Amino acid sequence: MENRRLKVNVGRTINIGNFESFRVDVGLEADIDDRTPFNEAYAELFSEVSKQLMVASETAKGKREEGRGLESRYRGR
């Protein structure tokens, strides 16, 4: 029996107006054994990483709306 490593990364670029945007990237890795179908393991990992991307995106958008946006950290540099 041999373990395989599966890695899934997803990202999203969000337009915040005024020709500015920010990017959110999320990645997960999992070891799967040779008895687990690759497509099944991939679908499960992709589903989880997609959920995490949505949470991270909404969190980042919420912080921007509260006036603590990511872009404000880099102004004046």
Protein backbone atom coordinates (compact mmCIF):
# COMPACT_ATOMS: atom_id res chain seq x y z
CA MET A 1 0.00 0.00 0.00
CA GLU A 2 1.36 3.38 -0.99
CA ASN A 3 0.20 6.79 0.17
CA ARG A 4 -0.27 9.58 -2.31
CA ARG A 5 -0.30 13.29 -1.56
CA LEU A 6 -3.08 15.37 -3.05
CA LYS A 7 -2.84 19.15 -3.03
CA VAL A 8 -5.60 21.55 -4.11
CA ASN A 9 -5.19 25.33 -4.35
CA VAL A 10 -7.86 27.83 -5.35
CA GLY A 11 -7.79 31.60 -5.49
CA ARG A 12 -10.01 34.54 -6.14
CA THR A 13 -9.21 38.10 -7.17
CA ILE A 14 -11.72 40.59 -5.81
CA ASN A 15 -12.23 44.02 -7.37
CA ILE A 16 -12.54 46.63 -4.62
CA GLY A 17 -13.12 49.59 -6.91
CA ASN A 18 -11.01 52.52 -8.00
CA PHE A 19 -8.84 50.19 -10.11
CA GLU A 20 -7.77 48.24 -7.02
CA SER A 21 -8.14 44.57 -6.19
CA PHE A 22 -6.85 41.98 -3.78
CA ARG A 23 -6.35 38.24 -4.06
CA VAL A 24 -7.28 35.48 -1.64
CA ASP A 25 -5.61 32.06 -2.03
CA VAL A 26 -6.41 28.91 -0.08
CA GLY A 27 -4.74 25.52 -0.31
CA LEU A 28 -5.09 22.16 1.40
CA GLU A 29 -3.06 18.96 1.25
CA ALA A 30 -4.07 15.43 2.16
CA ASP A 31 -2.43 12.02 2.11
CA ILE A 32 -4.63 9.40 0.48
CA ASP A 33 -3.98 5.69 0.34
CA ASP A 34 -4.09 3.71 -2.88
CA ARG A 35 -7.51 2.24 -2.00
CA THR A 36 -9.19 5.66 -2.13
CA PRO A 37 -10.30 6.66 -5.64
CA PHE A 38 -8.42 9.77 -6.73
CA ASN A 39 -11.54 11.51 -8.10
CA GLU A 40 -13.41 10.97 -4.83
CA ALA A 41 -10.55 12.35 -2.73
CA TYR A 42 -10.10 15.29 -5.09
CA ALA A 43 -13.82 16.17 -5.01
CA GLU A 44 -13.85 16.09 -1.20
CA LEU A 45 -10.72 18.23 -0.88
CA PHE A 46 -11.90 20.67 -3.57
CA SER A 47 -15.24 21.08 -1.80
CA GLU A 48 -13.54 21.90 1.50
CA VAL A 49 -11.01 24.31 -0.01
CA SER A 50 -13.82 26.07 -1.91
CA LYS A 51 -15.74 26.58 1.34
CA GLN A 52 -12.62 27.99 2.98
CA LEU A 53 -12.08 30.34 0.04
CA MET A 54 -15.60 31.73 0.40
CA VAL A 55 -15.09 32.29 4.15
CA ALA A 56 -11.75 34.02 3.56
CA SER A 57 -13.21 36.17 0.76
CA GLU A 58 -16.19 37.27 2.84
CA THR A 59 -13.94 38.02 5.82
CA ALA A 60 -11.64 40.15 3.67
CA LYS A 61 -14.58 41.98 2.08
CA GLY A 62 -16.10 42.61 5.50
CA LYS A 63 -12.88 44.11 6.83
CA ARG A 64 -12.67 46.39 3.83
CA GLU A 65 -16.24 47.60 4.40
CA GLU A 66 -15.38 48.33 8.05
CA GLY A 67 -12.64 50.70 6.89
CA ARG A 68 -9.83 48.30 7.71
CA GLY A 69 -9.34 47.20 4.13
CA LEU A 70 -6.21 45.52 2.93
CA GLU A 71 -5.50 48.31 0.45
CA SER A 72 -5.28 50.91 3.23
CA ARG A 73 -2.25 49.14 4.68
CA TYR A 74 -0.23 49.85 1.56
CA ARG A 75 -1.13 53.46 0.87
CA GLY A 76 1.73 55.88 1.09
CA ARG A 77 4.38 53.25 0.41
